[in-house]
Amino acid sequence: MKNKIFKSFLLLSFLEGMGVITLLVFKAGDGGLLDISPQRRILLVAIIAIEILLLSALLRAWSAPQEAQKLFSRLDHFLARDGRLFITLLSLSFLSIFFFGGWVFSYLFIPPALRWVLFWGMLVMLQCDVALAVIHWERTRKGLSLAWQKITSRWKNANPVQKSTFRLLVVIGAIYFATFMIPNALEAWNPHVFSLNGGDENITYPYVVWMLTPGETMEATVYHFFIYEDYHYGYPFYFFSMLAVLPVRLIAGADFSKLTQINLLLLRQLISVLPMIFSALILTYLQTRFRSKGKSVALFLAMLLLAGVVHYNRRFWHPDALVVLCVTLTIFFLDRDQYKYKHNFFLAAFFCGLASAIKLFGFFFVLSIGGYILYGLLKKVLTIKKAVIVSGAFLIVMFGTIIFTNPFLFVQDARGRMLEIMEEKAGEVQEGYDEPDPEGVYQKGILATTPFLQEPYGMGFVLIFLFISVVAGSVWGDHRLVNGVLLGWVVMSAFYLTFFSAIKNYHYWLPTMLPLFSGFFGLAEAGRNLLKTGQISARFFRLVPIIETATWIILFFQLIWSTAQACPFWQELGRIGEIIR
């Protein structure tokens, strides 16, 4: 059975290679074989060499099956250890995707001569992946079963309170999501109405339409898909936006762009509202582990009912919610890593890079990541050598994510245009828009910034309390790692927005404020822990209930404040009749 599959893989790969040789020769031009360019000749020689090796292995498998069996035995022995089979299958899958990407980009910036070589590489990797999985089917099945068990083990091991809390939050999140479908279905009945009321959305929407509009050639279609020509935000924002309206494109055809009401509803709900709900859910889990239903619900609502969040979720399709989600996932995976500096650490690097790829916000993690590695050194989990290695690896993953999730960076003209836009935008952020400023809106500093945070987020004393709470939680709380990373993030991002950004747009602060508001109970938990461990005298035991009571009072005040500030936005729920008609 193994030998048969092995021979089928070799034969199929060999025949595909012959097809690639044929394509290389036929693309040579009118001069036939002698007209092949030097680059194609080198490719041809390399492919012929690979074909000879494949043919030799195929003939060997037919003529000497016993040697093939010895090869399988050695391969089985190698793959049987340390989960190597799963790693090999995953690596082959990654390589097949990599070669497929190379084939797509051969229509953009990779030399066309490599096009079908890359496609062949994808087929060979995919076939090898399937062959190995079939040969080792039992172990593959068991490995997948174990991986699934590991994924679901947290849910199975959760106590009844955690499960019921999670279910309740999901129900609240679903109601919240459905509620915003009312305002988000408004003011976009048709292209004309949308052009009058779209605002920033009206500027961004044509680029998503451009991405889903086929060109006259394959090259033009690929160009449309990747070179979207608006580099104020990174490609991932436009890619996910494109996915949100792709079903409409497939169903409605070329005229899908005229269906503005359904398209904008999908974009607003899936790119703005849904990531914000996921972020609040994850942050609630990080701070409570869902062990307290009351605290979990209160935190979840405190974040989702912020006037700034409600305002953002109402007819504002923008990348900030995706940035908030990437920031949250960076904190989540650092918490899961727990100073092991393994795969979760690099998943954090990936999401940090994705936040940077979308809107450069990932760079504000420099203080958190530096502190995380420094703490590993102090705990002697890391040596200086290993600290340098993991730091370098984190940067490689982060910058690799930025580069490969923004493929337009490989095209010189697009890269130059992006740099121009970034320079122009940096000037706007630092100096403000080119308009009169009699009220001093574009001033920087704490006194100039604080008034603009009050309405969308909270009173000054609430923000100060939250900061103190996060500091206390990072030093003495139950979740010190989460709050420590969160503290570094908040300090760095808030410092930039306060002292370097002249523009006071409320949504700039969303990636800072949502994590900050998750730390409401940090001070109360810190006090309780200090009392429990005897680090403070028992005579202060009355102080802990006072702090907890004060925390709940401030939290309820904040919920009332947020609801009051968001009232103008909630009033649009009464316009449901316009949608029904």
Protein backbone atom coordinates (compact mmCIF):
# COMPACT_ATOMS: atom_id res chain seq x y z
CA MET A 1 0.00 0.00 0.00
CA LYS A 2 2.76 2.46 0.99
CA ASN A 3 4.83 1.59 -2.09
CA LYS A 4 1.80 2.05 -4.36
CA ILE A 5 1.03 5.50 -2.94
CA PHE A 6 4.71 6.45 -3.14
CA LYS A 7 4.89 5.40 -6.82
CA SER A 8 1.68 7.29 -7.62
CA PHE A 9 3.12 10.44 -6.01
CA LEU A 10 6.38 10.14 -7.98
CA LEU A 11 4.61 9.44 -11.27
CA LEU A 12 2.17 12.32 -10.88
CA SER A 13 4.96 14.74 -9.91
CA PHE A 14 7.07 13.57 -12.87
CA LEU A 15 4.23 14.07 -15.38
CA GLU A 16 3.48 17.51 -13.97
CA GLY A 17 7.16 18.39 -14.31
CA MET A 18 7.06 17.40 -17.98
CA GLY A 19 4.10 19.74 -18.38
CA VAL A 20 6.14 22.58 -16.84
CA ILE A 21 9.04 21.87 -19.24
CA THR A 22 6.58 22.00 -22.15
CA LEU A 23 5.19 25.35 -20.99
CA LEU A 24 8.69 26.80 -20.58
CA VAL A 25 9.65 25.76 -24.11
CA PHE A 26 6.41 26.92 -25.76
CA LYS A 27 6.69 30.31 -24.06
CA ALA A 28 10.16 30.74 -25.53
CA GLY A 29 9.05 32.70 -28.60
CA ASP A 30 9.15 32.24 -32.34
CA GLY A 31 12.75 31.09 -32.34
CA GLY A 32 11.88 27.79 -30.66
CA LEU A 33 14.21 26.18 -28.15
CA LEU A 34 17.19 28.35 -29.13
CA ASP A 35 15.18 31.49 -28.35
CA ILE A 36 14.90 30.64 -24.65
CA SER A 37 16.29 33.38 -22.39
CA PRO A 38 19.24 32.58 -20.07
CA GLN A 39 16.90 32.62 -17.06
CA ARG A 40 14.58 30.09 -18.69
CA ARG A 41 17.55 27.90 -19.63
CA ILE A 42 18.71 27.79 -16.01
CA LEU A 43 15.17 26.93 -14.92
CA LEU A 44 14.93 24.27 -17.61
CA VAL A 45 18.20 22.64 -16.54
CA ALA A 46 17.11 22.66 -12.87
CA ILE A 47 13.72 21.13 -13.69
CA ILE A 48 15.27 18.46 -15.93
CA ALA A 49 17.62 17.55 -13.06
CA ILE A 50 14.64 17.23 -10.69
CA GLU A 51 12.79 15.16 -13.29
CA ILE A 52 15.75 12.79 -13.59
CA LEU A 53 15.76 12.33 -9.81
CA LEU A 54 12.00 11.70 -9.76
CA LEU A 55 12.26 9.18 -12.63
CA SER A 56 15.19 7.41 -10.95
CA ALA A 57 13.26 7.14 -7.69
CA LEU A 58 10.18 5.88 -9.57
CA LEU A 59 12.16 3.18 -11.40
CA ARG A 60 13.88 2.22 -8.15
CA ALA A 61 10.51 1.85 -6.40
CA TRP A 62 9.36 -0.50 -9.16
CA SER A 63 12.54 -2.56 -9.47
CA ALA A 64 13.58 -2.74 -5.78
CA PRO A 65 10.49 -2.69 -3.54
CA GLN A 66 12.54 -4.02 -0.61
CA GLU A 67 14.73 -0.91 -0.62
CA ALA A 68 11.58 1.18 -0.70
CA GLN A 69 10.33 -0.66 2.37
CA LYS A 70 13.59 0.11 4.17
CA LEU A 71 13.14 3.77 3.25
CA PHE A 72 9.59 3.72 4.64
CA SER A 73 10.84 2.13 7.86
CA ARG A 74 13.43 4.86 8.37
CA LEU A 75 10.81 7.53 7.54
CA ASP A 76 8.33 5.94 9.99
CA HIS A 77 10.98 5.95 12.70
CA PHE A 78 11.74 9.62 12.07
CA LEU A 79 8.07 10.71 12.01
CA ALA A 80 7.11 8.69 15.08
CA ARG A 81 8.99 10.96 17.51
CA ASP A 82 8.00 14.27 19.14
CA GLY A 83 4.95 14.90 16.96
CA ARG A 84 7.11 15.16 13.85
CA LEU A 85 4.38 13.80 11.58
CA PHE A 86 2.01 16.66 12.50
CA ILE A 87 4.81 19.25 12.10
CA THR A 88 5.78 17.78 8.71
CA LEU A 89 2.18 17.80 7.45
CA LEU A 90 1.71 21.37 8.66
CA SER A 91 4.99 22.45 7.03
CA LEU A 92 4.02 20.87 3.70
CA SER A 93 0.64 22.63 3.86
CA PHE A 94 2.38 25.94 4.54
CA LEU A 95 4.78 25.37 1.63
CA SER A 96 1.92 24.56 -0.73
CA ILE A 97 0.23 27.85 0.24
CA PHE A 98 3.57 29.65 -0.15
CA PHE A 99 4.06 28.29 -3.69
CA PHE A 100 0.44 29.09 -4.57
CA GLY A 101 1.02 32.67 -3.40
CA GLY A 102 4.14 32.79 -5.56
CA TRP A 103 2.09 31.62 -8.56
CA VAL A 104 -0.50 34.37 -7.96
CA PHE A 105 2.19 37.03 -7.52
CA SER A 106 3.88 35.94 -10.76
CA TYR A 107 1.09 38.00 -12.35
CA LEU A 108 2.23 41.00 -10.32
CA PHE A 109 5.93 41.22 -9.40
CA ILE A 110 7.53 37.73 -9.53
CA PRO A 111 9.16 36.98 -12.95
CA PRO A 112 6.61 35.21 -15.21
CA ALA A 113 9.20 32.56 -16.10
CA LEU A 114 8.73 31.15 -12.59
CA ARG A 115 4.93 31.00 -12.86
CA TRP A 116 4.37 27.36 -13.68
CA VAL A 117 7.41 26.23 -11.71
CA LEU A 118 5.77 27.73 -8.62
CA PHE A 119 2.45 26.11 -9.52
CA TRP A 120 4.24 22.77 -9.87
CA GLY A 121 5.87 23.32 -6.49
CA MET A 122 2.42 23.87 -4.97
CA LEU A 123 1.11 20.63 -6.50
CA VAL A 124 4.13 18.61 -5.37
CA MET A 125 3.90 19.90 -1.77
CA LEU A 126 0.14 19.27 -1.69
CA GLN A 127 0.50 15.77 -3.14
CA CYS A 128 3.30 14.93 -0.72
CA ASP A 129 1.13 16.18 2.15
CA VAL A 130 -1.80 14.01 1.07
CA ALA A 131 0.44 10.97 0.45
CA LEU A 132 1.99 11.20 3.93
CA ALA A 133 -1.41 11.69 5.56
CA VAL A 134 -2.83 8.61 3.75
CA ILE A 135 0.23 6.43 4.46
CA HIS A 136 0.12 7.37 8.14
CA TRP A 137 -3.65 7.73 8.31
CA GLU A 138 -4.14 6.20 11.75
CA ARG A 139 -1.50 8.43 13.33
CA THR A 140 -2.81 11.44 11.41
CA ARG A 141 -6.33 10.76 12.63
CA LYS A 142 -5.14 10.29 16.20
CA GLY A 143 -3.06 13.46 15.98
CA LEU A 144 -6.03 15.48 14.76
CA SER A 145 -8.19 13.93 17.48
CA LEU A 146 -5.63 14.85 20.15
CA ALA A 147 -5.33 18.39 18.76
CA TRP A 148 -9.12 18.77 18.88
CA GLN A 149 -9.20 17.40 22.43
CA LYS A 150 -6.54 19.90 23.43
CA ILE A 151 -8.53 22.75 21.89
CA THR A 152 -11.76 21.68 23.62
CA SER A 153 -10.12 20.66 26.92
CA ARG A 154 -10.41 24.18 28.36
CA TRP A 155 -14.16 24.11 27.83
CA LYS A 156 -14.50 20.59 29.23
CA ASN A 157 -12.40 21.47 32.26
CA ALA A 158 -14.27 24.71 32.91
CA ASN A 159 -16.54 24.72 35.95
CA PRO A 160 -20.32 25.25 35.62
CA VAL A 161 -20.06 28.95 36.54
CA GLN A 162 -17.50 29.60 33.79
CA LYS A 163 -19.63 27.80 31.21
CA SER A 164 -22.85 29.57 32.16
CA THR A 165 -21.04 32.93 32.25
CA PHE A 166 -19.63 32.37 28.78
CA ARG A 167 -23.05 31.40 27.42
CA LEU A 168 -24.63 34.49 28.99
CA LEU A 169 -21.98 36.78 27.49
CA VAL A 170 -22.47 35.19 24.07
CA VAL A 171 -26.22 35.86 24.32
CA ILE A 172 -25.57 39.49 25.35
CA GLY A 173 -23.08 39.84 22.50
CA ALA A 174 -25.58 38.41 20.00
CA ILE A 175 -28.29 40.84 21.16
CA TYR A 176 -25.78 43.72 20.95
CA PHE A 177 -24.78 42.64 17.42
CA ALA A 178 -28.40 42.36 16.28
CA THR A 179 -29.28 45.74 17.81
CA PHE A 180 -26.72 47.56 15.68
CA MET A 181 -28.18 46.10 12.50
CA ILE A 182 -30.88 48.78 12.75
CA PRO A 183 -28.69 51.91 12.56
CA ASN A 184 -26.21 50.18 10.25
CA ALA A 185 -28.89 49.45 7.66
CA LEU A 186 -29.76 53.17 7.46
CA GLU A 187 -28.51 55.99 5.20
CA ALA A 188 -27.31 53.68 2.41
CA TRP A 189 -30.54 52.75 0.59
CA ASN A 190 -28.90 53.30 -2.80
CA PRO A 191 -25.63 54.72 -4.18
CA HIS A 192 -27.01 58.28 -4.30
CA VAL A 193 -28.17 58.31 -0.67
CA PHE A 194 -24.91 56.68 0.39
CA SER A 195 -22.88 59.31 -1.46
CA LEU A 196 -24.67 62.02 0.54
CA ASN A 197 -24.32 60.36 3.96
CA GLY A 198 -21.32 58.02 3.67
CA GLY A 199 -18.57 60.29 5.03
CA ASP A 200 -15.29 58.39 5.34
CA GLU A 201 -17.06 55.21 4.21
CA ASN A 202 -17.84 56.86 0.88
CA ILE A 203 -14.11 57.38 0.34
CA THR A 204 -13.11 53.82 1.23
CA TYR A 205 -15.95 51.85 -0.41
CA PRO A 206 -14.80 52.27 -4.06
CA TYR A 207 -11.48 50.60 -3.23
CA VAL A 208 -13.24 47.43 -2.04
CA VAL A 209 -15.34 47.49 -5.22
CA TRP A 210 -12.09 47.90 -7.20
CA MET A 211 -10.63 44.80 -5.53
CA LEU A 212 -13.64 42.70 -6.55
CA THR A 213 -13.77 44.00 -10.13
CA PRO A 214 -12.05 41.62 -12.59
CA GLY A 215 -9.68 43.13 -15.12
CA GLU A 216 -9.52 42.28 -18.81
CA THR A 217 -6.52 40.01 -18.17
CA MET A 218 -5.34 37.82 -15.31
CA GLU A 219 -2.59 40.36 -14.62
CA ALA A 220 -5.15 43.17 -14.36
CA THR A 221 -7.39 41.11 -12.06
CA VAL A 222 -4.50 40.31 -9.69
CA TYR A 223 -3.45 43.97 -9.79
CA HIS A 224 -6.97 45.04 -8.76
CA PHE A 225 -7.01 42.52 -5.94
CA PHE A 226 -3.69 43.48 -4.33
CA ILE A 227 -2.86 47.02 -5.46
CA TYR A 228 -5.87 48.81 -4.02
CA GLU A 229 -4.24 52.27 -4.30
CA ASP A 230 -5.36 53.66 -0.94
CA TYR A 231 -2.62 53.13 1.62
CA HIS A 232 -3.99 55.09 4.57
CA TYR A 233 -4.75 51.65 6.03
CA GLY A 234 -3.04 48.33 5.50
CA TYR A 235 -4.12 45.59 3.13
CA PRO A 236 -5.62 43.30 5.86
CA PHE A 237 -8.39 45.86 6.47
CA TYR A 238 -9.34 45.87 2.80
CA PHE A 239 -8.90 42.10 2.51
CA PHE A 240 -11.32 41.35 5.35
CA SER A 241 -13.69 44.01 4.01
CA MET A 242 -13.57 42.32 0.62
CA LEU A 243 -14.40 38.96 2.26
CA ALA A 244 -17.38 40.55 4.02
CA VAL A 245 -19.04 41.56 0.73
CA LEU A 246 -17.74 38.67 -1.39
CA PRO A 247 -21.02 36.69 -1.02
CA VAL A 248 -22.91 39.67 -2.46
CA ARG A 249 -20.42 39.84 -5.34
CA LEU A 250 -20.87 36.13 -6.09
CA ILE A 251 -24.67 36.30 -5.96
CA ALA A 252 -25.36 39.70 -7.58
CA GLY A 253 -22.54 39.70 -10.12
CA ALA A 254 -20.87 42.78 -11.59
CA ASP A 255 -23.58 45.17 -10.34
CA PHE A 256 -23.04 44.22 -6.67
CA SER A 257 -21.62 47.66 -5.85
CA LYS A 258 -25.06 49.24 -6.38
CA LEU A 259 -26.46 47.19 -3.48
CA THR A 260 -25.08 49.67 -1.00
CA GLN A 261 -27.54 48.94 1.79
CA ILE A 262 -26.64 45.24 2.13
CA ASN A 263 -22.93 45.85 1.44
CA LEU A 264 -22.57 48.60 4.03
CA LEU A 265 -24.59 46.62 6.55
CA LEU A 266 -22.19 43.68 6.16
CA LEU A 267 -19.12 45.91 6.33
CA ARG A 268 -20.31 47.82 9.39
CA GLN A 269 -21.42 44.70 11.25
CA LEU A 270 -18.56 42.34 10.38
CA ILE A 271 -15.62 44.75 10.31
CA SER A 272 -16.65 47.15 13.09
CA VAL A 273 -19.24 45.63 15.46
CA LEU A 274 -18.22 41.96 15.53
CA PRO A 275 -14.46 42.45 16.22
CA MET A 276 -15.37 44.88 19.01
CA ILE A 277 -17.61 42.25 20.64
CA PHE A 278 -14.89 39.60 20.33
CA SER A 279 -12.35 41.99 21.85
CA ALA A 280 -14.58 42.78 24.84
CA LEU A 281 -15.27 39.05 25.34
CA ILE A 282 -11.56 38.13 25.31
CA LEU A 283 -10.60 41.01 27.60
CA THR A 284 -13.37 40.00 30.02
CA TYR A 285 -12.02 36.44 30.05
CA LEU A 286 -8.45 37.63 30.66
CA GLN A 287 -9.53 39.67 33.69
CA THR A 288 -12.13 37.36 35.26
CA ARG A 289 -11.63 33.89 33.67
CA PHE A 290 -15.44 33.90 33.75
CA ARG A 291 -15.32 32.76 37.39
CA SER A 292 -17.66 35.54 38.51
CA LYS A 293 -20.84 36.04 36.52
CA GLY A 294 -21.54 39.49 37.97
CA LYS A 295 -18.05 40.87 37.34
CA SER A 296 -17.88 39.36 33.87
CA VAL A 297 -21.21 40.82 32.76
CA ALA A 298 -20.37 44.20 34.31
CA LEU A 299 -16.98 44.38 32.56
CA PHE A 300 -18.41 43.20 29.25
CA LEU A 301 -21.12 45.86 29.34
CA ALA A 302 -18.75 48.55 30.62
CA MET A 303 -16.63 48.12 27.49
CA LEU A 304 -19.41 47.68 24.93
CA LEU A 305 -21.56 50.54 26.26
CA LEU A 306 -18.79 53.15 26.20
CA ALA A 307 -20.15 56.10 24.24
CA GLY A 308 -17.07 55.98 22.00
CA VAL A 309 -17.68 52.32 21.22
CA VAL A 310 -21.40 52.85 20.57
CA HIS A 311 -20.60 55.84 18.36
CA TYR A 312 -18.01 53.81 16.45
CA ASN A 313 -20.33 50.84 15.93
CA ARG A 314 -23.00 53.08 14.44
CA ARG A 315 -22.48 53.53 10.69
CA PHE A 316 -18.71 53.70 10.88
CA TRP A 317 -16.91 51.04 8.86
CA HIS A 318 -13.29 51.65 9.85
CA PRO A 319 -10.19 49.55 10.72
CA ASP A 320 -10.04 50.49 14.41
CA ALA A 321 -12.07 47.49 15.62
CA LEU A 322 -9.70 45.12 13.81
CA VAL A 323 -6.78 46.90 15.48
CA VAL A 324 -8.47 46.52 18.89
CA LEU A 325 -8.94 42.80 18.21
CA CYS A 326 -5.29 42.35 17.16
CA VAL A 327 -4.13 44.21 20.29
CA THR A 328 -6.38 42.03 22.44
CA LEU A 329 -5.12 38.82 20.81
CA THR A 330 -1.52 39.92 21.33
CA ILE A 331 -2.21 40.28 25.06
CA PHE A 332 -4.15 36.98 25.05
CA PHE A 333 -1.31 34.94 23.54
CA LEU A 334 1.31 36.54 25.77
CA ASP A 335 -0.83 35.47 28.72
CA ARG A 336 -1.07 31.94 27.32
CA ASP A 337 2.70 31.83 26.80
CA GLN A 338 3.41 32.41 30.52
CA TYR A 339 7.12 33.16 29.99
CA LYS A 340 7.77 29.97 27.99
CA TYR A 341 8.68 31.93 24.83
CA LYS A 342 7.29 29.24 22.53
CA HIS A 343 4.51 29.11 19.92
CA ASN A 344 2.10 31.36 21.84
CA PHE A 345 4.83 34.00 22.06
CA PHE A 346 5.16 33.95 18.28
CA LEU A 347 1.40 34.02 17.80
CA ALA A 348 1.51 37.21 19.87
CA ALA A 349 4.21 38.48 17.49
CA PHE A 350 1.95 37.66 14.53
CA PHE A 351 -1.01 39.64 15.90
CA CYS A 352 1.29 42.47 16.97
CA GLY A 353 2.53 42.56 13.37
CA LEU A 354 -1.05 42.46 12.08
CA ALA A 355 -1.98 45.46 14.25
CA SER A 356 1.01 47.25 12.73
CA ALA A 357 0.11 46.11 9.22
CA ILE A 358 -3.38 47.59 9.53
CA LYS A 359 -2.64 50.88 11.28
CA LEU A 360 0.91 50.83 12.80
CA PHE A 361 -0.49 50.39 16.33
CA GLY A 362 1.49 47.23 17.01
CA PHE A 363 4.66 49.28 17.48
CA PHE A 364 3.22 50.59 20.76
CA PHE A 365 3.83 47.13 22.26
CA VAL A 366 7.55 47.91 22.49
CA LEU A 367 7.32 48.62 26.25
CA SER A 368 5.19 45.53 26.96
CA ILE A 369 7.33 43.12 24.93
CA GLY A 370 10.55 44.60 26.32
CA GLY A 371 9.20 44.20 29.86
CA TYR A 372 8.01 40.67 29.11
CA ILE A 373 11.49 39.61 27.96
CA LEU A 374 13.22 41.50 30.79
CA TYR A 375 11.02 39.70 33.34
CA GLY A 376 12.04 36.40 31.77
CA LEU A 377 15.66 37.35 32.37
CA LEU A 378 14.97 38.32 35.99
CA LYS A 379 13.13 35.04 36.59
CA LYS A 380 16.09 33.22 34.98
CA VAL A 381 13.74 31.64 32.44
CA LEU A 382 15.91 33.28 29.79
CA THR A 383 19.64 33.60 29.48
CA ILE A 384 21.00 36.70 27.77
CA LYS A 385 21.73 34.62 24.66
CA LYS A 386 18.22 33.16 24.54
CA ALA A 387 16.70 36.60 25.23
CA VAL A 388 18.51 37.97 22.17
CA ILE A 389 17.34 35.00 20.08
CA VAL A 390 13.65 35.20 21.10
CA SER A 391 13.68 39.00 20.71
CA GLY A 392 15.08 38.65 17.21
CA ALA A 393 12.60 35.89 16.38
CA PHE A 394 9.71 38.05 17.65
CA LEU A 395 10.83 40.92 15.40
CA ILE A 396 11.23 38.59 12.42
CA VAL A 397 7.70 37.23 12.85
CA MET A 398 6.30 40.71 13.45
CA PHE A 399 7.98 42.37 10.46
CA GLY A 400 7.40 39.30 8.31
CA THR A 401 3.69 39.62 9.08
CA ILE A 402 3.73 43.32 8.17
CA ILE A 403 5.45 42.63 4.85
CA PHE A 404 3.57 39.53 3.73
CA THR A 405 0.13 40.82 4.71
CA ASN A 406 0.81 43.95 2.65
CA PRO A 407 1.90 42.43 -0.70
CA PHE A 408 1.78 45.81 -2.43
CA LEU A 409 5.08 46.55 -0.65
CA PHE A 410 6.81 44.39 -3.27
CA VAL A 411 5.66 46.76 -6.04
CA GLN A 412 7.83 49.85 -6.30
CA ASP A 413 5.15 52.33 -7.43
CA ALA A 414 2.69 51.20 -4.76
CA ARG A 415 5.41 51.28 -2.11
CA GLY A 416 6.36 54.82 -3.13
CA ARG A 417 2.73 55.94 -3.00
CA MET A 418 2.35 54.37 0.45
CA LEU A 419 5.39 56.28 1.74
CA GLU A 420 3.96 59.53 0.38
CA ILE A 421 0.63 58.92 2.12
CA MET A 422 2.36 57.98 5.38
CA GLU A 423 4.44 61.17 5.28
CA GLU A 424 1.35 63.25 4.58
CA LYS A 425 -0.65 61.50 7.30
CA ALA A 426 2.18 61.84 9.84
CA GLY A 427 2.17 65.59 9.24
CA GLU A 428 -1.60 65.74 9.77
CA VAL A 429 -1.42 63.72 12.98
CA GLN A 430 1.37 65.85 14.40
CA GLU A 431 0.11 69.27 13.30
CA GLY A 432 -3.63 68.81 12.69
CA TYR A 433 -5.63 69.34 9.51
CA ASP A 434 -4.84 72.32 7.31
CA GLU A 435 -7.59 74.58 8.63
CA PRO A 436 -8.03 77.42 11.15
CA ASP A 437 -7.91 76.35 14.80
CA PRO A 438 -9.31 79.22 16.89
CA GLU A 439 -10.44 76.90 19.69
CA GLY A 440 -7.04 75.26 20.07
CA VAL A 441 -8.31 71.79 19.16
CA TYR A 442 -4.93 70.79 17.72
CA GLN A 443 -3.00 71.46 20.93
CA LYS A 444 -1.09 68.56 22.52
CA GLY A 445 -0.55 67.49 26.10
CA ILE A 446 -2.63 66.18 28.99
CA LEU A 447 -4.66 69.36 29.58
CA ALA A 448 -5.43 69.69 25.87
CA THR A 449 -6.38 66.00 25.43
CA THR A 450 -8.38 65.15 28.57
CA PRO A 451 -11.54 67.15 27.69
CA PHE A 452 -11.88 65.19 24.44
CA LEU A 453 -11.84 61.87 26.32
CA GLN A 454 -14.62 62.73 28.77
CA GLU A 455 -17.66 62.39 26.50
CA PRO A 456 -16.71 59.24 24.59
CA TYR A 457 -15.04 57.39 27.47
CA GLY A 458 -15.41 58.77 30.99
CA MET A 459 -14.81 61.44 33.61
CA GLY A 460 -11.22 62.19 34.59
CA PHE A 461 -11.49 60.54 38.02
CA VAL A 462 -12.73 57.30 36.38
CA LEU A 463 -9.77 57.20 34.00
CA ILE A 464 -7.35 57.87 36.89
CA PHE A 465 -9.02 55.11 38.94
CA LEU A 466 -8.68 52.69 36.02
CA PHE A 467 -4.99 53.47 35.61
CA ILE A 468 -4.35 52.95 39.34
CA SER A 469 -6.37 49.73 39.19
CA VAL A 470 -4.32 48.36 36.29
CA VAL A 471 -1.06 49.28 38.05
CA ALA A 472 -2.23 47.54 41.25
CA GLY A 473 -3.39 44.52 39.24
CA SER A 474 -0.03 44.24 37.51
CA VAL A 475 1.85 44.25 40.85
CA TRP A 476 -0.43 42.40 43.29
CA GLY A 477 -3.48 41.17 41.36
CA ASP A 478 -4.62 37.70 40.29
CA HIS A 479 -3.64 38.30 36.66
CA ARG A 480 -0.35 40.15 36.92
CA LEU A 481 0.92 39.15 33.50
CA VAL A 482 -2.22 40.35 31.71
CA ASN A 483 -2.27 43.65 33.57
CA GLY A 484 1.47 44.14 33.22
CA VAL A 485 1.34 43.74 29.43
CA LEU A 486 -1.83 45.83 29.33
CA LEU A 487 -0.17 48.56 31.41
CA GLY A 488 2.81 48.80 29.07
CA TRP A 489 0.45 48.98 26.09
CA VAL A 490 -1.77 51.68 27.63
CA VAL A 491 1.16 53.83 28.76
CA MET A 492 2.91 53.69 25.38
CA SER A 493 -0.15 54.22 23.18
CA ALA A 494 -1.66 56.91 25.45
CA PHE A 495 1.69 58.72 25.62
CA TYR A 496 1.86 58.91 21.83
CA LEU A 497 -1.76 59.99 21.39
CA THR A 498 -1.43 62.64 24.13
CA PHE A 499 1.92 64.20 23.26
CA PHE A 500 2.39 63.49 19.55
CA SER A 501 -1.11 63.47 18.03
CA ALA A 502 -2.77 66.82 17.45
CA ILE A 503 -5.94 65.19 16.05
CA LYS A 504 -8.47 64.37 18.75
CA ASN A 505 -10.61 61.81 16.89
CA TYR A 506 -12.27 59.63 19.52
CA HIS A 507 -11.74 56.40 17.57
CA TYR A 508 -7.93 56.82 17.73
CA TRP A 509 -8.27 55.99 21.43
CA LEU A 510 -10.32 52.80 21.07
CA PRO A 511 -7.30 50.42 21.08
CA THR A 512 -6.11 52.11 24.28
CA MET A 513 -9.40 52.56 26.12
CA LEU A 514 -11.03 49.16 25.66
CA PRO A 515 -8.10 47.30 27.32
CA LEU A 516 -7.88 49.99 30.00
CA PHE A 517 -11.56 49.60 30.93
CA SER A 518 -11.08 45.85 31.31
CA GLY A 519 -8.96 46.56 34.40
CA PHE A 520 -11.80 47.86 36.60
CA PHE A 521 -11.39 45.21 39.33
CA GLY A 522 -7.58 45.21 39.47
CA LEU A 523 -7.33 47.36 42.61
CA ALA A 524 -9.95 45.34 44.52
CA GLU A 525 -8.30 42.03 43.58
CA ALA A 526 -4.88 43.39 44.57
CA GLY A 527 -6.17 44.41 48.00
CA ARG A 528 -7.78 41.02 48.54
CA ASN A 529 -4.56 39.21 47.55
CA LEU A 530 -2.41 41.37 49.82
CA LEU A 531 -4.70 40.60 52.75
CA LYS A 532 -4.80 36.89 51.92
CA THR A 533 -1.00 36.58 51.71
CA GLY A 534 -0.44 38.67 54.84
CA GLN A 535 1.46 41.40 53.02
CA ILE A 536 -0.73 44.01 54.72
CA SER A 537 -1.79 44.04 58.31
CA ALA A 538 -5.10 42.43 59.30
CA ARG A 539 -6.20 45.72 60.82
CA PHE A 540 -6.67 46.96 57.25
CA PHE A 541 -9.12 44.16 56.45
CA ARG A 542 -12.01 46.63 56.45
CA LEU A 543 -10.32 48.61 53.71
CA VAL A 544 -10.67 45.78 51.16
CA PRO A 545 -14.53 45.68 51.23
CA ILE A 546 -14.54 49.49 51.02
CA ILE A 547 -12.35 49.34 47.89
CA GLU A 548 -14.59 46.68 46.34
CA THR A 549 -17.72 48.68 47.11
CA ALA A 550 -16.13 51.83 45.70
CA THR A 551 -15.17 49.90 42.55
CA TRP A 552 -18.76 48.78 41.99
CA ILE A 553 -20.06 52.32 42.64
CA ILE A 554 -17.61 53.78 40.09
CA LEU A 555 -18.50 51.03 37.63
CA PHE A 556 -22.24 51.68 37.93
CA PHE A 557 -21.62 55.41 37.62
CA GLN A 558 -19.61 54.72 34.48
CA LEU A 559 -22.41 52.60 32.99
CA ILE A 560 -24.93 55.39 33.64
CA TRP A 561 -22.53 58.00 32.26
CA SER A 562 -21.85 55.95 29.11
CA THR A 563 -25.54 55.33 28.52
CA ALA A 564 -26.34 59.01 28.91
CA GLN A 565 -23.55 60.08 26.54
CA ALA A 566 -24.60 57.46 23.98
CA CYS A 567 -28.30 58.38 24.08
CA PRO A 568 -28.23 60.30 20.76
CA PHE A 569 -26.92 57.18 19.04
CA TRP A 570 -29.41 54.81 20.69
CA GLN A 571 -32.29 57.01 19.55
CA GLU A 572 -31.81 55.73 16.02
CA LEU A 573 -33.24 52.38 17.10
CA GLY A 574 -36.62 54.05 16.71
CA ARG A 575 -36.01 54.29 12.98
CA ILE A 576 -36.57 50.56 12.51
CA GLY A 577 -39.80 51.43 10.68
CA GLU A 578 -37.72 52.86 7.79
CA ILE A 579 -36.09 49.48 7.30
CA ILE A 580 -39.32 47.50 7.54
CA ARG A 581 -40.96 49.68 4.89
